[in-house]
Amino acid sequence: MDSMKRLAPPQNLTGLAYNSIKNYILHEDLDERTRLTEEGLSRQLGISKSPVREALNSLLTEGLIRIEARRGAYVRNFSFQEVMDLYGLREALEVYAVGTAAITPNLITNLRQSIARTRKLLKAGDRLSHIEEDTNFHRLIAAASGNAELCRTLANIQNQLWLCRRKTYDLSASTAPSAHKAILDALERGDRMAAQKAMQSHISLVRKRLLDFMQPRCAPG
């Protein structure tokens, strides 16, 4: 846990602990065997155990970790069915979002810039930044829907799927720029049905490649 920085005396220790631990889980190369204890985390962050415990409970509620009594917390490992369910929900929400987003010049500009950054990050081989920018593209569309609950729910799903995607980055990363451009082009034309179809195809492809990768590992015996 050397990558986590000690926290300065705060107004909201629980919130700061939550953000620090969540960032550590999402950005470090952890697996389901990595043990996260209240004592170890509080020592690394330089705070008491109480805000760490509350932060871990929040991360448990969000589905990013599992907690074993008297052993500690572990990064969540998703089953084949759980990934399929998450992608099914994500597809429904993203197709809805692109169908209700307010298509403004600002949105189009931001999406175009996001695609340009995605291409650069892909070329540079910067995996984590690429996934962050990929997520940002979808966040921009969700935000344009004006539906705060949709944004909150989708952000949580994206965080859970992040734990799966970072291990299978090479399966679909190269398809992101062209898939995002198809969505952008449809939005620029004001063709919502085409934008929804492009979004659905994009997420379906990523889901299929991830599930195909998981299938042999989930086979009985």
Protein backbone atom coordinates (compact mmCIF):
# COMPACT_ATOMS: atom_id res chain seq x y z
CA MET A 1 0.00 0.00 0.00
CA ASP A 2 2.96 2.30 -0.55
CA SER A 3 1.07 4.23 -3.24
CA MET A 4 -1.45 5.70 -0.80
CA LYS A 5 -0.56 9.06 0.76
CA ARG A 6 -1.06 9.93 4.40
CA LEU A 7 -3.99 12.24 4.96
CA ALA A 8 -3.76 15.68 6.52
CA PRO A 9 -6.12 16.50 9.42
CA PRO A 10 -9.50 16.84 7.70
CA GLN A 11 -13.03 18.11 8.09
CA ASN A 12 -14.43 14.84 6.78
CA LEU A 13 -12.12 11.94 7.49
CA THR A 14 -14.60 9.32 6.31
CA GLY A 15 -15.02 10.98 2.92
CA LEU A 16 -11.30 11.39 2.45
CA ALA A 17 -10.62 7.80 3.52
CA TYR A 18 -13.33 6.60 1.14
CA ASN A 19 -11.84 8.48 -1.82
CA SER A 20 -8.30 7.34 -1.04
CA ILE A 21 -9.16 3.67 -0.60
CA LYS A 22 -11.46 3.65 -3.63
CA ASN A 23 -8.77 5.23 -5.80
CA TYR A 24 -6.28 2.65 -4.55
CA ILE A 25 -8.62 -0.24 -5.37
CA LEU A 26 -9.41 1.04 -8.86
CA HIS A 27 -5.94 2.14 -9.92
CA GLU A 28 -3.57 -0.38 -8.41
CA ASP A 29 -2.94 -3.86 -9.76
CA LEU A 30 -4.81 -5.65 -6.99
CA ASP A 31 -6.61 -8.97 -7.13
CA GLU A 32 -9.13 -10.79 -4.98
CA ARG A 33 -6.33 -12.16 -2.75
CA THR A 34 -5.13 -8.69 -1.70
CA ARG A 35 -6.12 -8.21 1.93
CA LEU A 36 -7.18 -4.78 3.13
CA THR A 37 -7.40 -4.45 6.92
CA GLU A 38 -8.70 -1.56 8.99
CA GLU A 39 -5.43 -1.49 10.91
CA GLY A 40 -3.24 -1.48 7.81
CA LEU A 41 -5.30 1.13 5.99
CA SER A 42 -5.52 3.42 9.02
CA ARG A 43 -1.77 3.20 9.49
CA GLN A 44 -1.06 3.99 5.83
CA LEU A 45 -3.49 6.92 5.82
CA GLY A 46 -2.43 8.19 9.25
CA ILE A 47 -5.95 8.21 10.70
CA SER A 48 -8.01 6.19 13.20
CA LYS A 49 -9.83 2.99 12.33
CA SER A 50 -13.34 4.41 12.65
CA PRO A 51 -13.43 6.46 9.39
CA VAL A 52 -11.65 3.60 7.59
CA ARG A 53 -14.35 1.19 8.79
CA GLU A 54 -17.10 3.53 7.54
CA ALA A 55 -15.32 3.95 4.20
CA LEU A 56 -15.02 0.18 3.78
CA ASN A 57 -18.72 -0.25 4.52
CA SER A 58 -19.53 2.28 1.79
CA LEU A 59 -17.31 0.43 -0.69
CA LEU A 60 -19.00 -2.82 0.32
CA THR A 61 -22.40 -1.28 -0.41
CA GLU A 62 -21.15 -0.15 -3.82
CA GLY A 63 -20.03 -3.68 -4.67
CA LEU A 64 -16.31 -2.95 -4.98
CA ILE A 65 -15.13 -5.10 -2.06
CA ARG A 66 -16.19 -8.06 0.04
CA ILE A 67 -15.60 -8.22 3.79
CA GLU A 68 -14.78 -11.40 5.70
CA ALA A 69 -15.32 -11.40 9.46
CA ARG A 70 -12.07 -11.16 11.43
CA ARG A 71 -10.02 -11.29 8.22
CA GLY A 72 -10.51 -7.97 6.46
CA ALA A 73 -11.67 -6.67 3.10
CA TYR A 74 -10.81 -7.98 -0.34
CA VAL A 75 -11.29 -6.60 -3.84
CA ARG A 76 -14.44 -8.14 -5.25
CA ASN A 77 -14.15 -10.93 -7.81
CA PHE A 78 -17.10 -10.98 -10.22
CA SER A 79 -18.76 -14.13 -11.46
CA PHE A 80 -19.77 -14.71 -15.08
CA GLN A 81 -23.42 -14.10 -14.20
CA GLU A 82 -22.64 -10.92 -12.27
CA VAL A 83 -20.71 -9.46 -15.21
CA MET A 84 -23.52 -10.40 -17.60
CA ASP A 85 -26.07 -8.75 -15.30
CA LEU A 86 -24.01 -5.58 -14.89
CA TYR A 87 -23.52 -5.20 -18.63
CA GLY A 88 -27.21 -5.82 -19.25
CA LEU A 89 -28.07 -3.00 -16.85
CA ARG A 90 -25.35 -0.76 -18.24
CA GLU A 91 -26.62 -1.26 -21.80
CA ALA A 92 -30.17 -0.33 -20.81
CA LEU A 93 -29.05 2.81 -18.99
CA GLU A 94 -26.60 3.97 -21.68
CA VAL A 95 -29.09 3.48 -24.50
CA TYR A 96 -31.63 5.47 -22.49
CA ALA A 97 -29.06 8.19 -21.75
CA VAL A 98 -28.07 8.70 -25.38
CA GLY A 99 -31.75 8.83 -26.30
CA THR A 100 -32.51 11.60 -23.83
CA ALA A 101 -29.26 13.63 -23.81
CA ALA A 102 -29.54 17.29 -24.71
CA ILE A 103 -27.54 17.58 -27.94
CA THR A 104 -25.71 20.89 -27.58
CA PRO A 105 -22.62 22.30 -29.33
CA ASN A 106 -20.78 21.98 -26.01
CA LEU A 107 -21.61 18.28 -25.73
CA ILE A 108 -20.50 17.61 -29.30
CA THR A 109 -17.22 19.46 -28.72
CA ASN A 110 -16.53 17.62 -25.47
CA LEU A 111 -17.26 14.23 -27.03
CA ARG A 112 -15.02 15.00 -30.01
CA GLN A 113 -12.18 16.02 -27.67
CA SER A 114 -12.68 12.87 -25.63
CA ILE A 115 -12.32 10.69 -28.73
CA ALA A 116 -9.11 12.52 -29.66
CA ARG A 117 -7.70 11.89 -26.17
CA THR A 118 -8.77 8.25 -26.36
CA ARG A 119 -6.83 7.76 -29.60
CA LYS A 120 -3.70 9.34 -28.10
CA LEU A 121 -3.89 7.26 -24.92
CA LEU A 122 -4.46 4.09 -26.91
CA LYS A 123 -1.43 4.83 -29.06
CA ALA A 124 0.66 5.61 -25.96
CA GLY A 125 -0.42 2.37 -24.28
CA ASP A 126 -1.63 4.22 -21.18
CA ARG A 127 -4.19 1.69 -19.98
CA LEU A 128 -5.60 3.32 -16.87
CA SER A 129 -5.91 6.76 -18.46
CA HIS A 130 -7.52 5.18 -21.51
CA ILE A 131 -10.17 3.45 -19.40
CA GLU A 132 -10.73 6.71 -17.49
CA GLU A 133 -11.24 8.62 -20.74
CA ASP A 134 -13.50 5.88 -22.10
CA THR A 135 -15.59 6.20 -18.94
CA ASN A 136 -15.56 10.00 -19.30
CA PHE A 137 -17.08 9.78 -22.79
CA HIS A 138 -20.04 7.85 -21.41
CA ARG A 139 -20.26 10.13 -18.35
CA LEU A 140 -20.59 13.18 -20.60
CA ILE A 141 -23.58 11.66 -22.37
CA ALA A 142 -25.21 10.60 -19.11
CA ALA A 143 -24.72 14.08 -17.64
CA ALA A 144 -26.35 15.61 -20.74
CA SER A 145 -29.52 13.65 -19.94
CA GLY A 146 -29.97 15.83 -16.85
CA ASN A 147 -30.87 12.75 -14.82
CA ALA A 148 -28.80 12.79 -11.62
CA GLU A 149 -29.97 9.35 -10.49
CA LEU A 150 -29.00 7.85 -13.83
CA CYS A 151 -25.52 9.39 -13.52
CA ARG A 152 -25.09 8.05 -9.99
CA THR A 153 -26.22 4.53 -10.87
CA LEU A 154 -24.17 4.39 -14.06
CA ALA A 155 -21.05 5.64 -12.25
CA ASN A 156 -21.36 2.81 -9.72
CA ILE A 157 -21.79 0.21 -12.49
CA GLN A 158 -18.76 1.61 -14.31
CA ASN A 159 -16.66 1.35 -11.15
CA GLN A 160 -17.61 -2.28 -10.68
CA LEU A 161 -16.92 -3.13 -14.31
CA TRP A 162 -13.59 -1.29 -14.07
CA LEU A 163 -12.33 -4.11 -11.85
CA CYS A 164 -13.05 -6.55 -14.69
CA ARG A 165 -11.98 -4.40 -17.63
CA ARG A 166 -8.52 -3.54 -16.34
CA LYS A 167 -7.62 -7.24 -16.55
CA THR A 168 -8.94 -7.60 -20.09
CA TYR A 169 -7.96 -4.23 -21.55
CA ASP A 170 -6.54 -5.68 -24.78
CA LEU A 171 -9.81 -7.37 -25.69
CA SER A 172 -11.70 -4.28 -26.76
CA ALA A 173 -9.68 -1.11 -26.12
CA SER A 174 -8.79 -0.65 -29.78
CA THR A 175 -12.47 -0.54 -30.79
CA ALA A 176 -13.36 2.39 -28.50
CA PRO A 177 -12.44 5.33 -30.79
CA SER A 178 -14.43 4.08 -33.78
CA ALA A 179 -17.37 3.03 -31.62
CA HIS A 180 -17.44 6.41 -29.89
CA LYS A 181 -17.18 8.21 -33.23
CA ALA A 182 -20.21 6.31 -34.55
CA ILE A 183 -22.18 7.54 -31.53
CA LEU A 184 -20.90 11.09 -31.97
CA ASP A 185 -21.65 11.16 -35.70
CA ALA A 186 -25.24 10.06 -35.06
CA LEU A 187 -25.70 12.70 -32.36
CA GLU A 188 -24.30 15.40 -34.67
CA ARG A 189 -26.89 14.41 -37.27
CA GLY A 190 -29.58 14.51 -34.60
CA ASP A 191 -30.35 10.86 -35.32
CA ARG A 192 -31.12 9.52 -31.85
CA MET A 193 -32.14 6.07 -33.05
CA ALA A 194 -28.81 5.62 -34.82
CA ALA A 195 -26.99 6.90 -31.72
CA GLN A 196 -28.84 4.39 -29.55
CA LYS A 197 -28.10 1.58 -31.97
CA ALA A 198 -24.40 2.54 -32.05
CA MET A 199 -24.30 2.65 -28.24
CA GLN A 200 -25.97 -0.73 -27.96
CA SER A 201 -23.57 -2.30 -30.46
CA HIS A 202 -20.58 -0.78 -28.65
CA ILE A 203 -21.52 -2.14 -25.23
CA SER A 204 -22.62 -5.51 -26.64
CA LEU A 205 -19.21 -6.00 -28.27
CA VAL A 206 -17.29 -5.16 -25.08
CA ARG A 207 -19.57 -7.46 -23.08
CA LYS A 208 -19.20 -10.34 -25.53
CA ARG A 209 -15.40 -10.15 -25.55
CA LEU A 210 -15.19 -9.98 -21.78
CA LEU A 211 -17.62 -12.88 -21.29
CA ASP A 212 -15.87 -14.96 -23.95
CA PHE A 213 -12.64 -14.37 -22.03
CA MET A 214 -14.26 -15.40 -18.76
CA GLN A 215 -16.09 -18.43 -20.10
CA PRO A 216 -13.20 -20.98 -19.95
CA ARG A 217 -12.39 -19.82 -16.41
CA CYS A 218 -15.98 -20.30 -15.32
CA ALA A 219 -16.46 -23.76 -16.83
CA PRO A 220 -17.15 -26.49 -14.22
CA GLY A 221 -14.39 -28.97 -13.44
